[in-house]
Every structure is written in C-alpha cells, then in structure tokens.
Amino acid sequence: MMRVAFLLAAVLAAVTALSACGEKEQVVVYKQGKYQGKPDNRSWDNESPVAELRGGKWTKGDRSSWEESIKQRQLAQHEYQRINR
C-alpha cells in the first residue's frame, strides 16, 4: 500500500513538473493578408493633448508644426539651453 502511494506521488510530481514545460508561444506570428491589430497613425495627424500646457500646440495634420512643437519641448527640457537664454 505504501509503495503504491509513493509511486502515485512520484507520477503526480513528474506530471506536474512536465506540465510546466508546456508554455505556449507568446510571440505574434504575422500572417500575410491578415489583420494583426491597430495600425499606427502618423504623430502629427493626432490632436495635441499635452502640448497646450507647454505652449507648443501643433496643427493637426501639419508635420512642420508638429516638428517645431517637439523641438520647443526638447529645448525646454535641456538645462544648459534654458540657463543660457
């Protein structure tokens, strides 16, 4: 009886240990012609959410105003540039 219980426990432990090796693939594999998720938009085609607070609002759809807003934001975060103004 004790031997059967030990054998059963060993088999149960082996099954449990092997079940941990059965991890599913977590990488998305692209299938040609199939929709894989939300497409990316161009950054300047979005509304300006936070840039208004920093004085750098861009015009939706205008790439040059978006780039200028990014430059202004980067200059505002650069300590040496801010001090020397």
Protein backbone atom coordinates (compact mmCIF):
# COMPACT_ATOMS: atom_id res chain seq x y z
CA MET A 1 0.00 0.00 0.00
CA MET A 2 2.80 2.38 0.93
CA ARG A 3 4.62 1.51 -2.27
CA VAL A 4 1.56 2.33 -4.42
CA ALA A 5 1.11 5.68 -2.65
CA PHE A 6 4.78 6.51 -3.19
CA LEU A 7 4.58 5.51 -6.86
CA LEU A 8 1.41 7.58 -7.31
CA ALA A 9 3.06 10.60 -5.67
CA ALA A 10 6.12 10.21 -7.91
CA VAL A 11 3.97 10.01 -11.05
CA LEU A 12 1.95 13.05 -9.92
CA ALA A 13 5.17 15.00 -9.28
CA ALA A 14 6.53 14.03 -12.71
CA VAL A 15 3.31 15.09 -14.46
CA THR A 16 3.29 18.39 -12.58
CA ALA A 17 6.95 19.06 -13.45
CA LEU A 18 6.40 18.26 -17.12
CA SER A 19 3.28 20.40 -17.35
CA ALA A 20 5.38 23.45 -16.54
CA CYS A 21 7.36 22.83 -19.75
CA GLY A 22 4.29 23.27 -21.93
CA GLU A 23 4.46 27.04 -22.32
CA LYS A 24 2.58 28.45 -25.29
CA GLU A 25 4.30 30.67 -27.85
CA GLN A 26 3.88 34.33 -26.85
CA VAL A 27 5.28 35.94 -29.98
CA VAL A 28 2.75 37.06 -32.58
CA VAL A 29 3.46 35.50 -35.94
CA TYR A 30 2.47 37.70 -38.87
CA LYS A 31 0.17 36.02 -41.33
CA GLN A 32 0.23 37.62 -44.78
CA GLY A 33 -3.02 39.42 -45.51
CA LYS A 34 -4.46 39.02 -42.02
CA TYR A 35 -5.25 41.98 -39.74
CA GLN A 36 -2.85 41.88 -36.80
CA GLY A 37 -4.03 44.81 -34.71
CA LYS A 38 -4.47 48.55 -34.68
CA PRO A 39 -2.45 50.32 -37.40
CA ASP A 40 -0.14 53.15 -36.39
CA ASN A 41 -1.08 56.71 -37.24
CA ARG A 42 1.35 59.49 -38.03
CA SER A 43 2.08 61.54 -34.93
CA TRP A 44 1.17 64.87 -36.50
CA ASP A 45 -2.28 63.54 -37.50
CA ASN A 46 -3.33 63.37 -33.83
CA GLU A 47 -4.71 66.12 -31.65
CA SER A 48 -2.24 67.92 -29.39
CA PRO A 49 -3.16 66.63 -25.89
CA VAL A 50 -0.49 67.95 -23.52
CA ALA A 51 1.49 70.32 -25.69
CA GLU A 52 -1.01 73.11 -24.94
CA LEU A 53 0.24 73.25 -21.36
CA ARG A 54 3.80 73.81 -22.55
CA GLY A 55 2.90 76.35 -25.20
CA GLY A 56 3.69 74.05 -28.11
CA LYS A 57 0.34 73.22 -29.67
CA TRP A 58 0.61 71.88 -33.20
CA THR A 59 -1.91 71.97 -36.00
CA LYS A 60 -3.45 68.57 -36.67
CA GLY A 61 -2.09 67.16 -39.96
CA ASP A 62 0.77 69.69 -40.23
CA ARG A 63 4.09 67.90 -39.92
CA SER A 64 6.22 71.04 -39.72
CA SER A 65 4.21 72.50 -36.80
CA TRP A 66 4.46 69.12 -35.01
CA GLU A 67 8.25 69.06 -35.51
CA GLU A 68 8.54 72.63 -34.24
CA SER A 69 6.50 71.70 -31.17
CA ILE A 70 8.81 68.77 -30.47
CA LYS A 71 11.89 71.00 -30.84
CA GLN A 72 10.43 73.56 -28.43
CA ARG A 73 9.62 70.85 -25.90
CA GLN A 74 13.13 69.41 -26.12
CA LEU A 75 14.69 72.85 -25.67
CA ALA A 76 12.51 73.46 -22.63
CA GLN A 77 13.83 70.25 -21.07
CA HIS A 78 17.51 70.97 -21.80
CA GLU A 79 19.03 72.61 -18.70
CA TYR A 80 22.00 74.26 -20.41
CA GLN A 81 19.82 75.72 -23.14
CA ARG A 82 17.32 77.09 -20.60
CA ILE A 83 20.02 78.71 -18.44
CA ASN A 84 21.77 80.43 -21.36
CA ARG A 85 18.63 82.07 -22.74
